[in-house]
C-alpha atoms as a PDB file:
ATOM      1  CA  MET A   1      22.947  21.212   6.074  1.00  0.00           C
ATOM      2  CA  THR A   2      22.673  23.070   2.999  1.00  0.00           C
ATOM      3  CA  LEU A   3      19.547  23.324   1.291  1.00  0.00           C
ATOM      4  CA  GLU A   4      19.579  24.084  -2.347  1.00  0.00           C
ATOM      5  CA  LEU A   5      16.212  24.910  -4.040  1.00  0.00           C
ATOM      6  CA  THR A   6      15.809  25.290  -7.910  1.00  0.00           C
ATOM      7  CA  GLU A   7      13.641  28.040  -9.035  1.00  0.00           C
ATOM      8  CA  LYS A   8      10.612  25.933  -9.166  1.00  0.00           C
ATOM      9  CA  GLN A   9      10.774  24.514  -5.693  1.00  0.00           C
ATOM     10  CA  HIS A  10      10.855  27.910  -4.584  1.00  0.00           C
ATOM     11  CA  ILE A  11       7.995  28.744  -6.314  1.00  0.00           C
ATOM     12  CA  LEU A  12       6.594  24.709  -4.711  1.00  0.00           C
ATOM     13  CA  LEU A  13       8.244  26.068  -1.259  1.00  0.00           C
ATOM     14  CA  ASP A  14       5.864  29.386  -1.690  1.00  0.00           C
ATOM     15  CA  ARG A  15       2.889  27.336  -2.738  1.00  0.00           C
ATOM     16  CA  TYR A  16       3.620  24.823   0.399  1.00  0.00           C
ATOM     17  CA  LEU A  17       3.474  28.309   2.863  1.00  0.00           C
ATOM     18  CA  ASP A  18       0.528  29.506   1.665  1.00  0.00           C
ATOM     19  CA  THR A  19      -1.157  26.603   1.755  1.00  0.00           C
ATOM     20  CA  VAL A  20      -0.545  26.041   5.803  1.00  0.00           C
ATOM     21  CA  LEU A  21      -1.147  29.691   6.192  1.00  0.00           C
ATOM     22  CA  GLU A  22      -4.569  29.179   4.530  1.00  0.00           C
ATOM     23  CA  ASN A  23      -5.616  26.294   6.007  1.00  0.00           C
ATOM     24  CA  TYR A  24      -4.744  28.039   8.966  1.00  0.00           C
ATOM     25  CA  LYS A  25      -6.466  31.039   8.632  1.00  0.00           C
ATOM     26  CA  SER A  26      -9.838  29.248   7.612  1.00  0.00           C
ATOM     27  CA  GLY A  27      -9.919  27.115  10.172  1.00  0.00           C
ATOM     28  CA  ALA A  28      -9.272  23.998   8.258  1.00  0.00           C
ATOM     29  CA  TRP A  29      -6.430  23.603  10.620  1.00  0.00           C
ATOM     30  CA  THR A  30      -5.551  24.275  14.240  1.00  0.00           C
ATOM     31  CA  LEU A  31      -2.560  25.907  15.167  1.00  0.00           C
ATOM     32  CA  MET A  32      -0.823  22.713  16.107  1.00  0.00           C
ATOM     33  CA  ASP A  33      -1.830  21.259  13.003  1.00  0.00           C
ATOM     34  CA  ALA A  34      -0.294  23.914  11.219  1.00  0.00           C
ATOM     35  CA  ARG A  35       2.949  23.722  13.206  1.00  0.00           C
ATOM     36  CA  LEU A  36       3.057  20.051  13.047  1.00  0.00           C
ATOM     37  CA  HIS A  37       2.717  20.028   9.252  1.00  0.00           C
ATOM     38  CA  LEU A  38       5.801  22.749   9.449  1.00  0.00           C
ATOM     39  CA  ALA A  39       7.845  20.676  11.469  1.00  0.00           C
ATOM     40  CA  GLN A  40       7.803  17.948   9.464  1.00  0.00           C
ATOM     41  CA  ALA A  41       8.790  20.141   6.715  1.00  0.00           C
ATOM     42  CA  PHE A  42      11.907  21.451   8.309  1.00  0.00           C
ATOM     43  CA  THR A  43      12.617  17.547   9.279  1.00  0.00           C
ATOM     44  CA  LEU A  44      12.530  16.074   6.278  1.00  0.00           C
ATOM     45  CA  ALA A  45      14.883  18.719   4.835  1.00  0.00           C
ATOM     46  CA  ALA A  46      17.591  17.801   7.231  1.00  0.00           C
ATOM     47  CA  ASN A  47      17.271  14.996   6.008  1.00  0.00           C
ATOM     48  CA  ASP A  48      16.718  14.544   2.436  1.00  0.00           C
ATOM     49  CA  GLN A  49      15.730  17.024  -0.207  1.00  0.00           C
ATOM     50  CA  SER A  50      13.863  15.183  -2.388  1.00  0.00           C
ATOM     51  CA  SER A  51      11.826  13.910   0.585  1.00  0.00           C
ATOM     52  CA  VAL A  52      10.673  17.581   1.926  1.00  0.00           C
ATOM     53  CA  VAL A  53      10.087  18.403  -2.157  1.00  0.00           C
ATOM     54  CA  ASN A  54       7.779  15.319  -2.344  1.00  0.00           C
ATOM     55  CA  TYR A  55       6.330  16.393   1.225  1.00  0.00           C
ATOM     56  CA  MET A  56       5.659  19.554  -0.002  1.00  0.00           C
ATOM     57  CA  GLN A  57       4.220  18.390  -3.262  1.00  0.00           C
ATOM     58  CA  THR A  58       1.777  16.086  -1.667  1.00  0.00           C
ATOM     59  CA  ALA A  59       0.435  19.179   0.955  1.00  0.00           C
ATOM     60  CA  THR A  60       0.051  21.308  -2.219  1.00  0.00           C
ATOM     61  CA  ASN A  61      -2.347  18.445  -4.020  1.00  0.00           C
ATOM     62  CA  GLY A  62       0.171  16.892  -5.698  1.00  0.00           C
ATOM     63  CA  ASP A  63       1.290  19.330  -8.034  1.00  0.00           C
ATOM     64  CA  GLU A  64       4.352  18.134  -9.437  1.00  0.00           C
ATOM     65  CA  ASP A  65       5.871  21.357 -10.904  1.00  0.00           C
ATOM     66  CA  ALA A  66       9.245  21.001  -9.042  1.00  0.00           C
END
């Protein structure tokens, strides 16, 4: 599996990770919730780059900069 991200996609990845971590930190998500979100992103990345980009966009409130 090779996943090459554009600069905008790297920014989106940073925002996605911040979203997961902040939701866990604030108590909005349990540790299990955060793990499930990260596992979903890893699974999608292994199968199809466009799927993981769409997933991260949705998780970061639909930001479509990437």
